[in-house]
Amino acid sequence: MLRTILRGAAVTAVTVTLAALTVSCGDEGEAGHRPKAASAALAASASAAADQDPPAPPPQPERVRDAFAGLQATLGDSCTPANCAYLLGRVHDELHRVERAMRADPKGPGHFPEPIALIARLDRELGADHGVENLKRHQPAVFGARDEINTWMQDHPDDYR
């Protein structure tokens, strides 16, 4: 979307510049007035610029309470053969969603040292492999990090309510 807006702004700028050059280099007609074609081009490019949507504001970081709600939603699920791969991947993703929200929180990441440290410890244990087999090998650590963060957050209700 931003590329489209920037591209439209660039086209408008080029159009206005070309119209201005046409006016300054073209026939001024009687008494130094602009020819009607140049005036129409300037008016059309100004109208096109006004019709474009203003740039969208940057997205706001996710709130800790919203990210934590996603993590809490995994608490009632169990790792059955039919959904274990999905659940482990989801818990891993929700842990990192919580971490991003905590780091972006106005209170700062120093306000959430224990949860961030738990996720860092899990990441060190998992290494770069976030595949299903590695998550299964480290299933107790994945669920342990989730459960410990849940306990920590329950002890800090002002951070998610």
Protein backbone atom coordinates (compact mmCIF):
# COMPACT_ATOMS: atom_id res chain seq x y z
CA MET A 1 0.00 0.00 0.00
CA LEU A 2 2.83 2.39 0.89
CA ARG A 3 4.53 1.67 -2.42
CA THR A 4 1.34 2.55 -4.26
CA ILE A 5 1.05 5.82 -2.36
CA LEU A 6 4.69 6.71 -2.96
CA ARG A 7 4.44 5.77 -6.63
CA GLY A 8 1.32 7.95 -6.98
CA ALA A 9 3.07 10.86 -5.27
CA ALA A 10 6.06 10.51 -7.58
CA VAL A 11 3.83 10.48 -10.67
CA THR A 12 2.03 13.58 -9.40
CA ALA A 13 5.33 15.37 -8.75
CA VAL A 14 6.62 14.56 -12.24
CA THR A 15 3.33 15.69 -13.79
CA VAL A 16 3.40 19.00 -11.91
CA THR A 17 7.05 19.56 -12.84
CA LEU A 18 6.41 18.84 -16.51
CA ALA A 19 3.37 21.09 -16.52
CA ALA A 20 5.39 23.89 -14.92
CA LEU A 21 8.17 23.47 -17.49
CA THR A 22 5.62 23.52 -20.26
CA VAL A 23 4.24 26.76 -18.91
CA SER A 24 7.63 28.41 -18.49
CA CYS A 25 8.93 27.27 -21.88
CA GLY A 26 5.70 27.46 -23.86
CA ASP A 27 3.82 30.22 -25.57
CA GLU A 28 2.53 32.66 -22.99
CA GLY A 29 -0.05 34.08 -25.31
CA GLU A 30 -1.37 37.59 -24.82
CA ALA A 31 -0.32 39.70 -21.86
CA GLY A 32 1.88 36.92 -20.35
CA HIS A 33 -0.99 34.59 -19.40
CA ARG A 34 -0.55 30.82 -19.39
CA PRO A 35 -2.08 28.88 -22.27
CA LYS A 36 -5.29 27.10 -21.30
CA ALA A 37 -3.73 23.63 -21.84
CA ALA A 38 -0.97 24.28 -19.26
CA SER A 39 -3.44 25.62 -16.72
CA ALA A 40 -5.65 22.58 -17.23
CA ALA A 41 -2.66 20.22 -16.73
CA LEU A 42 -1.72 21.93 -13.48
CA ALA A 43 -5.30 21.78 -12.22
CA ALA A 44 -5.63 18.10 -13.16
CA SER A 45 -2.39 17.11 -11.40
CA ALA A 46 -3.34 19.07 -8.28
CA SER A 47 -6.73 17.37 -8.26
CA ALA A 48 -5.11 13.94 -8.62
CA ALA A 49 -2.80 14.65 -5.68
CA ALA A 50 -5.76 15.68 -3.52
CA ASP A 51 -7.68 12.48 -4.37
CA GLN A 52 -4.96 10.17 -2.98
CA ASP A 53 -5.37 8.72 0.48
CA PRO A 54 -2.97 10.02 3.10
CA PRO A 55 -0.31 7.55 4.18
CA ALA A 56 -1.48 5.08 6.80
CA PRO A 57 -0.02 5.51 10.27
CA PRO A 58 2.51 2.88 11.29
CA PRO A 59 0.95 -0.13 12.99
CA GLN A 60 0.92 -0.01 16.78
CA PRO A 61 2.75 -2.78 18.59
CA GLU A 62 0.58 -5.52 19.98
CA ARG A 63 -0.41 -5.14 23.61
CA VAL A 64 0.98 -7.62 26.12
CA ARG A 65 -2.50 -8.58 27.30
CA ASP A 66 -3.59 -9.52 23.76
CA ALA A 67 -0.46 -11.59 23.11
CA PHE A 68 -0.76 -13.24 26.53
CA ALA A 69 -4.39 -14.15 25.78
CA GLY A 70 -3.16 -16.08 22.74
CA LEU A 71 -0.68 -17.96 24.89
CA GLN A 72 -3.32 -18.69 27.53
CA ALA A 73 -5.59 -20.13 24.85
CA THR A 74 -3.13 -23.02 24.50
CA LEU A 75 -3.28 -24.02 28.18
CA GLY A 76 -6.27 -26.35 27.84
CA ASP A 77 -4.90 -28.19 24.81
CA SER A 78 -2.97 -31.43 25.07
CA CYS A 79 -0.48 -32.98 22.73
CA THR A 80 -2.45 -35.79 21.08
CA PRO A 81 -1.09 -37.60 18.03
CA ALA A 82 -3.56 -35.72 15.84
CA ASN A 83 -2.61 -32.21 16.97
CA CYS A 84 0.77 -32.37 18.70
CA ALA A 85 2.73 -30.82 15.83
CA TYR A 86 0.20 -28.01 15.51
CA LEU A 87 0.09 -27.36 19.26
CA LEU A 88 3.86 -27.28 19.69
CA GLY A 89 4.23 -24.89 16.76
CA ARG A 90 1.45 -22.70 18.08
CA VAL A 91 2.87 -22.54 21.60
CA HIS A 92 6.28 -21.66 20.15
CA ASP A 93 4.72 -18.91 18.01
CA GLU A 94 2.62 -17.56 20.91
CA LEU A 95 5.68 -17.41 23.18
CA HIS A 96 7.47 -15.25 20.62
CA ARG A 97 4.37 -13.13 20.12
CA VAL A 98 4.36 -12.45 23.88
CA GLU A 99 8.07 -11.65 23.77
CA ARG A 100 7.65 -9.13 20.92
CA ALA A 101 4.79 -7.46 22.79
CA MET A 102 6.82 -7.27 26.00
CA ARG A 103 9.81 -5.76 24.19
CA ALA A 104 7.56 -3.18 22.51
CA ASP A 105 5.59 -2.34 25.67
CA PRO A 106 5.92 1.27 26.90
CA LYS A 107 7.17 -0.07 30.24
CA GLY A 108 10.13 -1.55 28.40
CA PRO A 109 11.58 -5.05 28.27
CA GLY A 110 13.15 -4.53 31.70
CA HIS A 111 9.66 -4.70 33.15
CA PHE A 112 9.35 -8.32 31.96
CA PRO A 113 12.75 -9.86 32.75
CA GLU A 114 11.63 -13.33 33.78
CA PRO A 115 9.37 -14.12 30.78
CA ILE A 116 11.91 -12.76 28.32
CA ALA A 117 14.66 -14.80 29.99
CA LEU A 118 12.52 -17.96 29.86
CA ILE A 119 11.96 -17.52 26.13
CA ALA A 120 15.66 -16.83 25.57
CA ARG A 121 16.53 -20.03 27.49
CA LEU A 122 14.07 -22.00 25.34
CA ASP A 123 15.55 -20.50 22.16
CA ARG A 124 19.05 -21.51 23.25
CA GLU A 125 17.82 -25.03 23.92
CA LEU A 126 16.00 -25.28 20.57
CA GLY A 127 18.80 -23.68 18.58
CA ALA A 128 17.96 -22.60 15.05
CA ASP A 129 15.79 -25.67 14.38
CA HIS A 130 12.12 -24.80 14.96
CA GLY A 131 10.88 -27.83 13.07
CA VAL A 132 8.28 -30.23 14.45
CA GLU A 133 10.74 -33.00 15.33
CA ASN A 134 12.95 -30.64 17.32
CA LEU A 135 9.94 -29.13 19.07
CA LYS A 136 8.80 -32.68 19.97
CA ARG A 137 12.25 -33.49 21.36
CA HIS A 138 12.03 -30.37 23.52
CA GLN A 139 8.32 -30.64 24.32
CA PRO A 140 8.81 -30.40 28.12
CA ALA A 141 10.84 -27.21 27.68
CA VAL A 142 8.27 -25.67 25.30
CA PHE A 143 5.34 -26.37 27.60
CA GLY A 144 7.44 -25.55 30.65
CA ALA A 145 8.24 -22.08 29.32
CA ARG A 146 4.57 -21.53 28.54
CA ASP A 147 3.49 -22.64 32.01
CA GLU A 148 6.16 -20.60 33.82
CA ILE A 149 5.24 -17.47 31.85
CA ASN A 150 1.58 -18.08 32.64
CA THR A 151 2.42 -18.32 36.36
CA TRP A 152 4.57 -15.18 36.21
CA MET A 153 1.85 -13.23 34.43
CA GLN A 154 -0.78 -14.42 36.93
CA ASP A 155 1.43 -12.89 39.63
CA HIS A 156 1.52 -9.60 37.65
CA PRO A 157 -2.13 -8.99 36.73
CA ASP A 158 -1.62 -5.27 36.05
CA ASP A 159 0.44 -6.24 33.02
CA TYR A 160 -2.36 -7.98 31.18
CA ARG A 161 -5.67 -6.63 32.40
